Amino acid sequence: MFDHHPTAQDFEGFLRSSSRPAGSTRNPQILRHLLADCPVCRVSLGILGWSEQRLRLLTPRDGDSFREQISEAAIRNSYDYDRAFAAVDRAVAALLTQERPAEISAEALMAELLASPADRQAELVAGQGDRFGSPPFVRLLIDQSHTARYRNTEEMLRLSGLARLAATACSPEQAGNELRLADLRARAWGQHGNALRVCGRPREAEEAFATAQGHRLAGTGDPALRAWLFEKITPLYIFRERYEEAVELCEQAGQIYQDLGERHLQASTLVQKAVACVYSGETVGAIRTLNQAIPLIDHDEDPHLLLAACHNLIRCYIDLGRPDQALLLYSETQDLYHELDDTLILLRALWQEGQLLRDLGHLRAAETALLRARKGFLEENLIYEVALVSLDLASVYVKLGLVEDLKATVATALPVFQSLQVERKTIASLLQLQQVADQEYQALELIRVLSSRIEPLAKRSS
């Protein structure tokens, strides 16, 4: 029994063997200190490299935090600690186990892989699992896939598929143990699901996320992984128009990041939450959330996130009919757009510029910007965006009274809409737009309705 506070050595024994019989008399004492947020014990945990937040957030299953499982009353009484200790044991033992050192560096494996023809790379990874099933290599593929999200969506998908194959080939010995392997596979499948969503394959994305979630639940319970996967799943919920659930996922992930002291990652969840608010029509709430997020963003670590926040804030001002304010913010972010110099980001900036020029009444300049944006999205095979830009272009022609140009735009957009496999009523509304081309109010209302039907399909937040 402890007369005073547990020492760092006591905690080390607890973390490595908390539910074993040898620790049965001391572990309840240690647990009381942990649950009481003892400041002296927080120092001891810090010596071991464990933050109180990380330990507290370890979860044996969704929604059950370590702290929530044991009430004060239970501690005072004769409580069976087995479940709580098993949860801690399972996660801590797994997280303290080291990966087997890789014989070949991840960078060397990547160079070898890229030297092979693209159509043979998957076969190479799957066929040589003992070499390519390396955790550092899996993580490198995941990072490279994430980096490609704005530059080349097909590359993003290809790399995530390779990460999934490499994680499948990885053995428990390479990962450290079964639980850490499950975590690794959860990340690989989560990134693959995100890439499928970005590439406009939501059904496959949903299946991939389900697989990722299954691996996560079989893993260590690492709270950071839980938050990361929730972030990846959120855009798919937005796509499915499940806005309340999307906001809930963002809030859960954001709370985890806040508890872990990850301000920048917390900002990312706030931006995601704002996107859900935008699409659900809660524009004022989205502005409030974005203004919370922007001060938390580390520009040097992730300039894309800062740009995404500003881009959506501009969008909010456009939706609220405040183009002057939107234009001011757009002007202030121009350097950031060009600093990143990503094709897709620049196309979205051009699209937004066209919308702003239209709303400010500079219709010919808006036409030029939107035509260029539509051409760029078409070259990138982003057909959802092509459909939406076509509708913005149609609204410009309505305002200009150019009936023939409007009809030509609708005719060009028709096969694009058909390729999206939209509902018949959407195709009918598009055709009806040609019939009311000379009636401004009716035409603009039809365009608004069409945009509301297509826009959910084009949600590609990172």
Protein backbone atom coordinates (compact mmCIF):
# COMPACT_ATOMS: atom_id res chain seq x y z
CA MET A 1 0.00 0.00 0.00
CA PHE A 2 1.22 3.51 -0.71
CA ASP A 3 1.67 5.95 2.12
CA HIS A 4 2.29 8.77 -0.36
CA HIS A 5 2.19 9.32 -4.11
CA PRO A 6 3.07 6.56 -6.58
CA THR A 7 6.54 7.00 -8.04
CA ALA A 8 7.51 6.95 -11.72
CA GLN A 9 8.63 3.33 -11.20
CA ASP A 10 5.26 2.46 -9.66
CA PHE A 11 3.50 3.95 -12.66
CA GLU A 12 5.75 2.07 -15.06
CA GLY A 13 4.76 -1.20 -13.39
CA PHE A 14 1.12 -0.16 -13.52
CA LEU A 15 1.24 0.77 -17.19
CA ARG A 16 2.88 -2.49 -18.13
CA SER A 17 0.94 -4.91 -15.92
CA SER A 18 -2.05 -3.15 -14.45
CA SER A 19 -4.51 -6.05 -14.31
CA ARG A 20 -2.11 -8.84 -13.42
CA PRO A 21 -2.42 -10.50 -9.95
CA ALA A 22 0.91 -9.09 -8.73
CA GLY A 23 -0.48 -5.61 -9.04
CA SER A 24 -3.89 -6.25 -7.52
CA THR A 25 -3.17 -4.53 -4.19
CA ARG A 26 -1.35 -1.47 -5.52
CA ASN A 27 -3.27 -0.79 -8.70
CA PRO A 28 -6.46 0.54 -7.05
CA GLN A 29 -4.28 3.02 -5.14
CA ILE A 30 -2.65 4.22 -8.37
CA LEU A 31 -6.02 4.37 -10.09
CA ARG A 32 -7.39 6.66 -7.38
CA HIS A 33 -4.54 9.10 -8.00
CA LEU A 34 -5.14 9.01 -11.76
CA LEU A 35 -8.86 9.60 -11.47
CA ALA A 36 -8.31 12.43 -8.99
CA ASP A 37 -6.06 14.31 -11.45
CA CYS A 38 -3.30 14.32 -8.82
CA PRO A 39 -0.77 17.04 -9.87
CA VAL A 40 2.21 15.17 -8.39
CA CYS A 41 1.29 12.05 -10.34
CA ARG A 42 0.95 14.09 -13.53
CA VAL A 43 4.67 14.91 -13.17
CA SER A 44 5.50 11.22 -12.78
CA LEU A 45 3.50 10.37 -15.88
CA GLY A 46 5.29 13.13 -17.76
CA ILE A 47 8.63 11.52 -16.91
CA LEU A 48 7.39 8.39 -18.65
CA GLY A 49 6.28 10.38 -21.69
CA TRP A 50 2.58 9.93 -20.92
CA SER A 51 0.25 12.91 -20.79
CA GLU A 52 -2.72 12.66 -18.46
CA GLN A 53 -4.95 13.37 -21.46
CA ARG A 54 -3.63 10.43 -23.43
CA LEU A 55 -4.16 8.01 -20.57
CA ARG A 56 -7.59 9.37 -19.71
CA LEU A 57 -8.78 9.16 -23.30
CA LEU A 58 -7.78 5.56 -23.92
CA THR A 59 -11.03 3.77 -24.77
CA PRO A 60 -11.87 0.07 -24.91
CA ARG A 61 -14.90 0.89 -27.03
CA ASP A 62 -16.60 3.92 -28.54
CA GLY A 63 -18.04 6.40 -26.12
CA ASP A 64 -16.52 4.85 -22.97
CA SER A 65 -13.65 6.91 -21.68
CA PHE A 66 -11.44 5.48 -18.97
CA ARG A 67 -12.76 8.01 -16.50
CA GLU A 68 -16.41 7.35 -17.33
CA GLN A 69 -16.12 3.63 -16.60
CA ILE A 70 -15.40 4.03 -12.89
CA SER A 71 -17.47 6.25 -10.63
CA GLU A 72 -16.30 7.62 -7.31
CA ALA A 73 -18.85 5.46 -5.55
CA ALA A 74 -17.47 2.37 -7.23
CA ILE A 75 -13.95 3.28 -6.12
CA ARG A 76 -15.06 3.74 -2.52
CA ASN A 77 -16.81 0.36 -2.50
CA SER A 78 -15.43 -3.08 -3.23
CA TYR A 79 -15.19 -2.56 -7.00
CA ASP A 80 -14.08 -5.12 -9.55
CA TYR A 81 -11.33 -3.25 -11.40
CA ASP A 82 -10.81 -5.99 -14.01
CA ARG A 83 -12.62 -4.21 -16.83
CA ALA A 84 -10.91 -0.88 -16.28
CA PHE A 85 -7.47 -2.44 -15.88
CA ALA A 86 -8.00 -4.65 -18.91
CA ALA A 87 -8.79 -1.58 -20.99
CA VAL A 88 -5.65 0.20 -19.81
CA ASP A 89 -3.52 -2.93 -20.13
CA ARG A 90 -4.69 -3.59 -23.64
CA ALA A 91 -3.95 -0.12 -24.92
CA VAL A 92 -0.86 0.72 -22.92
CA ALA A 93 0.91 -2.58 -23.48
CA ALA A 94 0.31 -2.26 -27.21
CA LEU A 95 1.40 1.36 -27.40
CA LEU A 96 4.58 0.70 -25.40
CA THR A 97 5.60 -2.17 -27.69
CA GLN A 98 8.11 -1.10 -30.32
CA GLU A 99 7.84 -1.92 -34.00
CA ARG A 100 10.38 -4.31 -35.41
CA PRO A 101 13.15 -2.17 -36.99
CA ALA A 102 12.76 -2.08 -40.75
CA GLU A 103 15.58 -3.64 -42.76
CA ILE A 104 15.00 -1.19 -45.62
CA SER A 105 14.04 2.44 -45.14
CA ALA A 106 10.61 3.64 -46.23
CA GLU A 107 12.22 6.08 -48.64
CA ALA A 108 14.26 3.32 -50.29
CA LEU A 109 11.15 1.15 -50.66
CA MET A 110 9.27 4.09 -52.17
CA ALA A 111 12.07 4.69 -54.69
CA GLU A 112 12.05 1.01 -55.62
CA LEU A 113 8.29 1.01 -56.03
CA LEU A 114 8.21 4.15 -58.17
CA ALA A 115 10.88 2.66 -60.42
CA SER A 116 8.38 -0.06 -61.40
CA PRO A 117 5.61 0.51 -63.97
CA ALA A 118 2.47 1.95 -62.35
CA ASP A 119 0.35 -1.01 -63.45
CA ARG A 120 2.67 -3.46 -61.65
CA GLN A 121 3.13 -1.63 -58.36
CA ALA A 122 0.12 -3.15 -56.62
CA GLU A 123 1.22 -6.65 -57.62
CA LEU A 124 4.73 -5.91 -56.32
CA VAL A 125 3.48 -4.72 -52.92
CA ALA A 126 1.05 -7.60 -52.48
CA GLY A 127 3.56 -10.19 -53.66
CA GLN A 128 6.44 -9.08 -51.45
CA GLY A 129 4.69 -8.44 -48.17
CA ASP A 130 7.76 -9.29 -46.11
CA ARG A 131 9.53 -6.29 -47.69
CA PHE A 132 6.76 -3.81 -48.41
CA GLY A 133 4.64 -4.64 -45.35
CA SER A 134 6.68 -2.21 -43.28
CA PRO A 135 4.81 0.18 -40.93
CA PRO A 136 7.02 3.20 -41.81
CA PHE A 137 6.42 2.49 -45.50
CA VAL A 138 2.65 2.26 -44.95
CA ARG A 139 2.71 5.59 -43.14
CA LEU A 140 4.78 7.17 -45.92
CA LEU A 141 2.24 5.99 -48.52
CA ILE A 142 -0.60 7.42 -46.42
CA ASP A 143 1.22 10.77 -46.11
CA GLN A 144 2.02 10.87 -49.82
CA SER A 145 -1.62 10.09 -50.65
CA HIS A 146 -2.82 12.90 -48.40
CA THR A 147 -0.33 15.33 -49.95
CA ALA A 148 -1.62 14.52 -53.45
CA ARG A 149 -5.24 15.41 -52.60
CA TYR A 150 -5.14 18.82 -54.28
CA ARG A 151 -2.54 18.10 -56.92
CA ASN A 152 -3.80 14.82 -58.41
CA THR A 153 -6.82 12.97 -57.07
CA GLU A 154 -6.11 9.82 -59.08
CA GLU A 155 -2.60 9.72 -57.62
CA MET A 156 -4.15 10.16 -54.18
CA LEU A 157 -6.33 7.10 -54.80
CA ARG A 158 -3.51 5.00 -56.25
CA LEU A 159 -1.19 5.67 -53.30
CA SER A 160 -3.93 4.99 -50.75
CA GLY A 161 -4.64 1.68 -52.46
CA LEU A 162 -0.96 0.76 -52.17
CA ALA A 163 -1.01 1.76 -48.48
CA ARG A 164 -3.98 -0.54 -47.95
CA LEU A 165 -2.16 -3.43 -49.66
CA ALA A 166 1.04 -2.82 -47.69
CA ALA A 167 -0.87 -2.69 -44.40
CA THR A 168 -2.64 -5.94 -45.28
CA ALA A 169 0.74 -7.55 -45.98
CA CYS A 170 2.22 -6.25 -42.71
CA SER A 171 2.58 -8.83 -39.92
CA PRO A 172 1.94 -8.38 -36.18
CA GLU A 173 5.68 -8.87 -35.58
CA GLN A 174 6.51 -6.00 -37.94
CA ALA A 175 3.92 -3.71 -36.33
CA GLY A 176 4.81 -4.70 -32.77
CA ASN A 177 1.63 -6.64 -31.98
CA GLU A 178 -1.89 -7.35 -33.24
CA LEU A 179 -3.37 -4.19 -31.73
CA ARG A 180 -0.86 -1.85 -33.31
CA LEU A 181 -1.31 -3.66 -36.61
CA ALA A 182 -5.06 -3.03 -36.36
CA ASP A 183 -4.36 0.69 -35.81
CA LEU A 184 -2.07 0.77 -38.84
CA ARG A 185 -4.68 -0.91 -41.02
CA ALA A 186 -7.35 1.46 -39.74
CA ARG A 187 -5.29 4.42 -40.96
CA ALA A 188 -4.59 2.83 -44.34
CA TRP A 189 -8.23 1.95 -44.94
CA GLY A 190 -9.33 5.37 -43.65
CA GLN A 191 -7.07 7.15 -46.12
CA HIS A 192 -8.29 4.86 -48.91
CA GLY A 193 -11.89 5.67 -48.02
CA ASN A 194 -11.11 9.38 -48.11
CA ALA A 195 -9.44 9.05 -51.52
CA LEU A 196 -12.43 7.13 -52.89
CA ARG A 197 -14.74 9.87 -51.66
CA VAL A 198 -12.63 12.61 -53.23
CA CYS A 199 -12.67 10.70 -56.52
CA GLY A 200 -16.47 10.59 -56.50
CA ARG A 201 -16.95 6.96 -55.44
CA PRO A 202 -19.03 7.35 -52.25
CA ARG A 203 -20.38 3.79 -52.02
CA GLU A 204 -16.90 2.30 -52.12
CA ALA A 205 -15.72 4.99 -49.71
CA GLU A 206 -18.42 3.99 -47.24
CA GLU A 207 -17.31 0.35 -47.40
CA ALA A 208 -13.68 1.33 -46.90
CA PHE A 209 -14.56 3.47 -43.87
CA ALA A 210 -16.55 0.59 -42.39
CA THR A 211 -13.48 -1.61 -42.72
CA ALA A 212 -11.30 1.11 -41.17
CA GLN A 213 -13.70 1.44 -38.26
CA GLY A 214 -13.61 -2.31 -37.70
CA HIS A 215 -9.82 -2.29 -37.54
CA ARG A 216 -9.87 0.70 -35.18
CA LEU A 217 -12.21 -1.04 -32.77
CA ALA A 218 -9.89 -4.05 -32.78
CA GLY A 219 -6.86 -1.86 -32.05
CA THR A 220 -5.36 -0.04 -29.09
CA GLY A 221 -8.17 2.47 -28.63
CA ASP A 222 -5.75 5.32 -29.36
CA PRO A 223 -7.86 8.49 -29.04
CA ALA A 224 -5.84 10.34 -31.69
CA LEU A 225 -6.65 7.63 -34.23
CA ARG A 226 -10.31 7.80 -33.28
CA ALA A 227 -10.38 11.56 -33.88
CA TRP A 228 -8.46 11.22 -37.15
CA LEU A 229 -10.88 8.64 -38.53
CA PHE A 230 -13.90 10.70 -37.47
CA GLU A 231 -12.42 13.61 -39.43
CA LYS A 232 -12.05 11.46 -42.53
CA ILE A 233 -15.60 10.13 -42.29
CA THR A 234 -17.20 13.55 -41.75
CA PRO A 235 -17.16 14.68 -45.42
CA LEU A 236 -18.94 11.49 -46.43
CA TYR A 237 -21.69 12.28 -43.91
CA ILE A 238 -21.91 15.75 -45.43
CA PHE A 239 -22.17 14.17 -48.87
CA ARG A 240 -25.03 11.99 -47.60
CA GLU A 241 -26.69 15.15 -46.20
CA ARG A 242 -26.44 13.76 -42.67
CA TYR A 243 -25.44 17.15 -41.34
CA GLU A 244 -26.29 16.67 -37.67
CA GLU A 245 -24.22 13.49 -37.52
CA ALA A 246 -21.37 15.23 -39.34
CA VAL A 247 -21.38 18.04 -36.78
CA GLU A 248 -21.47 15.50 -33.95
CA LEU A 249 -18.43 13.65 -35.35
CA CYS A 250 -16.57 16.96 -35.68
CA GLU A 251 -17.37 17.89 -32.11
CA GLN A 252 -16.22 14.51 -30.78
CA ALA A 253 -12.97 14.69 -32.75
CA GLY A 254 -12.47 18.31 -31.76
CA GLN A 255 -12.93 17.51 -28.06
CA ILE A 256 -10.30 14.77 -28.27
CA TYR A 257 -7.83 17.11 -29.96
CA GLN A 258 -8.55 19.83 -27.42
CA ASP A 259 -7.95 17.41 -24.55
CA LEU A 260 -4.69 16.32 -26.18
CA GLY A 261 -3.61 19.94 -26.61
CA GLU A 262 -3.61 19.70 -30.43
CA ARG A 263 -4.88 23.17 -31.28
CA HIS A 264 -4.16 22.91 -35.00
CA LEU A 265 -5.97 19.59 -35.36
CA GLN A 266 -8.85 21.00 -33.34
CA ALA A 267 -9.01 23.83 -35.90
CA SER A 268 -9.32 21.26 -38.68
CA THR A 269 -12.42 19.78 -37.06
CA LEU A 270 -13.90 23.27 -36.70
CA VAL A 271 -13.42 23.89 -40.43
CA GLN A 272 -15.14 20.57 -41.17
CA LYS A 273 -17.98 21.53 -38.85
CA ALA A 274 -18.34 24.87 -40.64
CA VAL A 275 -18.59 23.08 -44.00
CA ALA A 276 -21.44 20.96 -42.62
CA CYS A 277 -23.14 24.14 -41.41
CA VAL A 278 -22.73 25.79 -44.83
CA TYR A 279 -24.40 22.92 -46.66
CA SER A 280 -27.18 22.64 -44.09
CA GLY A 281 -28.02 26.33 -44.56
CA GLU A 282 -26.61 27.47 -41.21
CA THR A 283 -24.42 30.14 -42.80
CA VAL A 284 -24.24 32.45 -39.79
CA GLY A 285 -23.21 29.53 -37.58
CA ALA A 286 -20.57 28.56 -40.15
CA ILE A 287 -19.06 32.07 -40.02
CA ARG A 288 -18.93 31.91 -36.23
CA THR A 289 -17.22 28.50 -36.33
CA LEU A 290 -14.68 29.58 -38.96
CA ASN A 291 -13.78 32.63 -36.91
CA GLN A 292 -13.10 30.25 -34.00
CA ALA A 293 -10.94 28.04 -36.21
CA ILE A 294 -8.72 30.58 -37.97
CA PRO A 295 -6.77 31.77 -34.87
CA LEU A 296 -5.95 28.12 -34.03
CA ILE A 297 -4.51 27.26 -37.44
CA ASP A 298 -0.77 26.88 -37.80
CA HIS A 299 -0.12 28.45 -41.20
CA ASP A 300 3.39 26.98 -41.52
CA GLU A 301 2.21 23.47 -40.68
CA ASP A 302 -0.82 23.42 -42.97
CA PRO A 303 -1.40 26.42 -45.22
CA HIS A 304 -4.06 24.39 -47.04
CA LEU A 305 -6.22 24.40 -43.93
CA LEU A 306 -5.95 28.18 -43.54
CA LEU A 307 -6.90 28.60 -47.17
CA ALA A 308 -9.84 26.19 -46.79
CA ALA A 309 -11.09 28.23 -43.82
CA CYS A 310 -10.80 31.52 -45.73
CA HIS A 311 -12.31 29.99 -48.87
CA ASN A 312 -15.37 28.82 -46.96
CA LEU A 313 -15.66 32.14 -45.15
CA ILE A 314 -15.73 33.90 -48.53
CA ARG A 315 -18.39 31.43 -49.64
CA CYS A 316 -20.48 32.30 -46.58
CA TYR A 317 -20.37 36.02 -47.39
CA ILE A 318 -21.37 35.27 -50.98
CA ASP A 319 -24.33 33.18 -49.77
CA LEU A 320 -25.41 35.97 -47.42
CA GLY A 321 -25.41 38.49 -50.27
CA ARG A 322 -22.39 40.38 -48.94
CA PRO A 323 -20.08 40.33 -52.00
CA ASP A 324 -18.16 43.45 -50.95
CA GLN A 325 -17.02 41.75 -47.74
CA ALA A 326 -16.31 38.54 -49.65
CA LEU A 327 -14.21 40.42 -52.20
CA LEU A 328 -12.18 42.12 -49.46
CA LEU A 329 -11.34 38.77 -47.87
CA TYR A 330 -10.66 37.22 -51.27
CA SER A 331 -8.15 39.99 -52.04
CA GLU A 332 -6.41 39.40 -48.70
CA THR A 333 -5.96 35.68 -49.44
CA GLN A 334 -4.60 36.01 -52.99
CA ASP A 335 -0.99 35.57 -51.89
CA LEU A 336 -1.95 32.39 -50.06
CA TYR A 337 -3.64 30.94 -53.14
CA HIS A 338 -0.55 31.50 -55.28
CA GLU A 339 1.84 30.46 -52.53
CA LEU A 340 0.38 26.94 -52.64
CA ASP A 341 0.32 26.82 -56.44
CA ASP A 342 -1.85 23.70 -56.59
CA THR A 343 -3.90 23.24 -59.76
CA LEU A 344 -7.15 22.35 -58.04
CA ILE A 345 -6.85 25.12 -55.47
CA LEU A 346 -6.22 27.69 -58.19
CA LEU A 347 -9.22 26.39 -60.13
CA ARG A 348 -11.43 26.77 -57.08
CA ALA A 349 -10.06 30.26 -56.55
CA LEU A 350 -10.88 31.11 -60.17
CA TRP A 351 -14.38 29.70 -59.71
CA GLN A 352 -14.90 31.77 -56.59
CA GLU A 353 -13.60 34.85 -58.37
CA GLY A 354 -16.20 34.31 -61.09
CA GLN A 355 -18.96 34.08 -58.49
CA LEU A 356 -17.79 37.27 -56.81
CA LEU A 357 -17.58 39.18 -60.09
CA ARG A 358 -21.08 38.01 -60.99
CA ASP A 359 -22.54 39.14 -57.66
CA LEU A 360 -20.78 42.49 -57.94
CA GLY A 361 -22.27 43.01 -61.40
CA HIS A 362 -19.09 42.56 -63.47
CA LEU A 363 -20.79 40.01 -65.69
CA ARG A 364 -18.43 39.84 -68.65
CA ALA A 365 -15.41 39.43 -66.36
CA ALA A 366 -17.37 36.76 -64.45
CA GLU A 367 -18.08 34.95 -67.73
CA THR A 368 -14.38 34.84 -68.58
CA ALA A 369 -13.39 33.48 -65.14
CA LEU A 370 -16.14 30.85 -65.10
CA LEU A 371 -15.37 29.63 -68.63
CA ARG A 372 -11.73 29.15 -67.65
CA ALA A 373 -12.72 27.37 -64.44
CA ARG A 374 -15.11 25.05 -66.25
CA LYS A 375 -12.44 24.17 -68.81
CA GLY A 376 -9.92 23.44 -66.03
CA PHE A 377 -12.29 21.21 -64.07
CA LEU A 378 -13.18 19.36 -67.27
CA GLU A 379 -9.50 18.70 -67.93
CA GLU A 380 -9.16 17.36 -64.36
CA ASN A 381 -12.23 15.16 -64.93
CA LEU A 382 -14.03 16.73 -61.94
CA ILE A 383 -17.50 16.47 -63.41
CA TYR A 384 -19.42 17.55 -60.31
CA GLU A 385 -17.53 20.83 -60.35
CA VAL A 386 -18.09 21.14 -64.12
CA ALA A 387 -21.84 20.84 -63.53
CA LEU A 388 -21.87 23.50 -60.80
CA VAL A 389 -19.68 25.95 -62.71
CA SER A 390 -21.98 25.47 -65.71
CA LEU A 391 -24.91 26.56 -63.55
CA ASP A 392 -23.00 29.64 -62.35
CA LEU A 393 -22.20 30.44 -65.97
CA ALA A 394 -25.87 29.99 -66.86
CA SER A 395 -26.82 32.53 -64.17
CA VAL A 396 -24.42 35.04 -65.75
CA TYR A 397 -26.09 34.59 -69.15
CA VAL A 398 -29.52 35.01 -67.56
CA LYS A 399 -28.44 38.32 -66.03
CA LEU A 400 -26.93 39.41 -69.36
CA GLY A 401 -30.10 38.42 -71.23
CA LEU A 402 -28.08 36.18 -73.60
CA VAL A 403 -30.74 33.54 -74.33
CA GLU A 404 -28.77 31.65 -76.98
CA ASP A 405 -25.63 31.47 -74.83
CA LEU A 406 -27.75 30.15 -71.97
CA LYS A 407 -29.29 27.46 -74.17
CA ALA A 408 -25.85 26.47 -75.48
CA THR A 409 -24.55 26.20 -71.89
CA VAL A 410 -27.48 23.96 -70.94
CA ALA A 411 -26.89 21.77 -74.00
CA THR A 412 -23.22 21.40 -73.06
CA ALA A 413 -24.11 20.63 -69.44
CA LEU A 414 -26.75 18.00 -70.26
CA PRO A 415 -24.34 15.06 -70.89
CA VAL A 416 -22.40 16.08 -67.77
CA PHE A 417 -25.55 15.88 -65.64
CA GLN A 418 -26.46 12.56 -67.24
CA SER A 419 -23.04 11.14 -66.42
CA LEU A 420 -23.65 12.01 -62.77
CA GLN A 421 -26.66 9.68 -62.82
CA VAL A 422 -28.83 12.32 -61.18
CA GLU A 423 -32.55 11.86 -60.72
CA ARG A 424 -34.88 12.34 -63.68
CA LYS A 425 -36.43 15.41 -62.08
CA THR A 426 -33.00 17.08 -62.11
CA ILE A 427 -32.56 16.41 -65.83
CA ALA A 428 -36.12 17.68 -66.41
CA SER A 429 -35.34 20.88 -64.50
CA LEU A 430 -32.21 21.41 -66.58
CA LEU A 431 -34.18 21.02 -69.82
CA GLN A 432 -36.84 23.35 -68.47
CA LEU A 433 -34.14 25.99 -68.03
CA GLN A 434 -33.91 26.25 -71.82
CA GLN A 435 -37.64 26.91 -72.03
CA VAL A 436 -37.57 29.81 -69.53
CA ALA A 437 -34.27 31.26 -70.76
CA ASP A 438 -35.87 34.64 -71.43
CA GLN A 439 -37.62 34.83 -68.03
CA GLU A 440 -35.03 35.99 -65.52
CA TYR A 441 -36.81 35.23 -62.25
CA GLN A 442 -37.93 31.72 -63.23
CA ALA A 443 -34.55 30.90 -64.77
CA LEU A 444 -32.58 32.01 -61.71
CA GLU A 445 -34.91 30.07 -59.42
CA LEU A 446 -34.41 26.93 -61.50
CA ILE A 447 -30.64 27.41 -61.35
CA ARG A 448 -30.84 27.76 -57.57
CA VAL A 449 -32.82 24.51 -57.29
CA LEU A 450 -30.44 22.68 -59.61
CA SER A 451 -27.42 23.88 -57.64
CA SER A 452 -28.96 22.65 -54.38
CA ARG A 453 -29.38 19.19 -55.92
CA ILE A 454 -25.90 18.94 -57.43
CA GLU A 455 -23.84 20.69 -54.80
CA PRO A 456 -24.00 17.89 -52.20
CA LEU A 457 -22.35 15.61 -54.78
CA ALA A 458 -19.32 17.87 -55.09
CA LYS A 459 -18.30 18.08 -51.44
CA ARG A 460 -14.58 17.41 -51.53
CA SER A 461 -13.22 18.98 -48.36
CA SER A 462 -9.80 17.53 -47.45
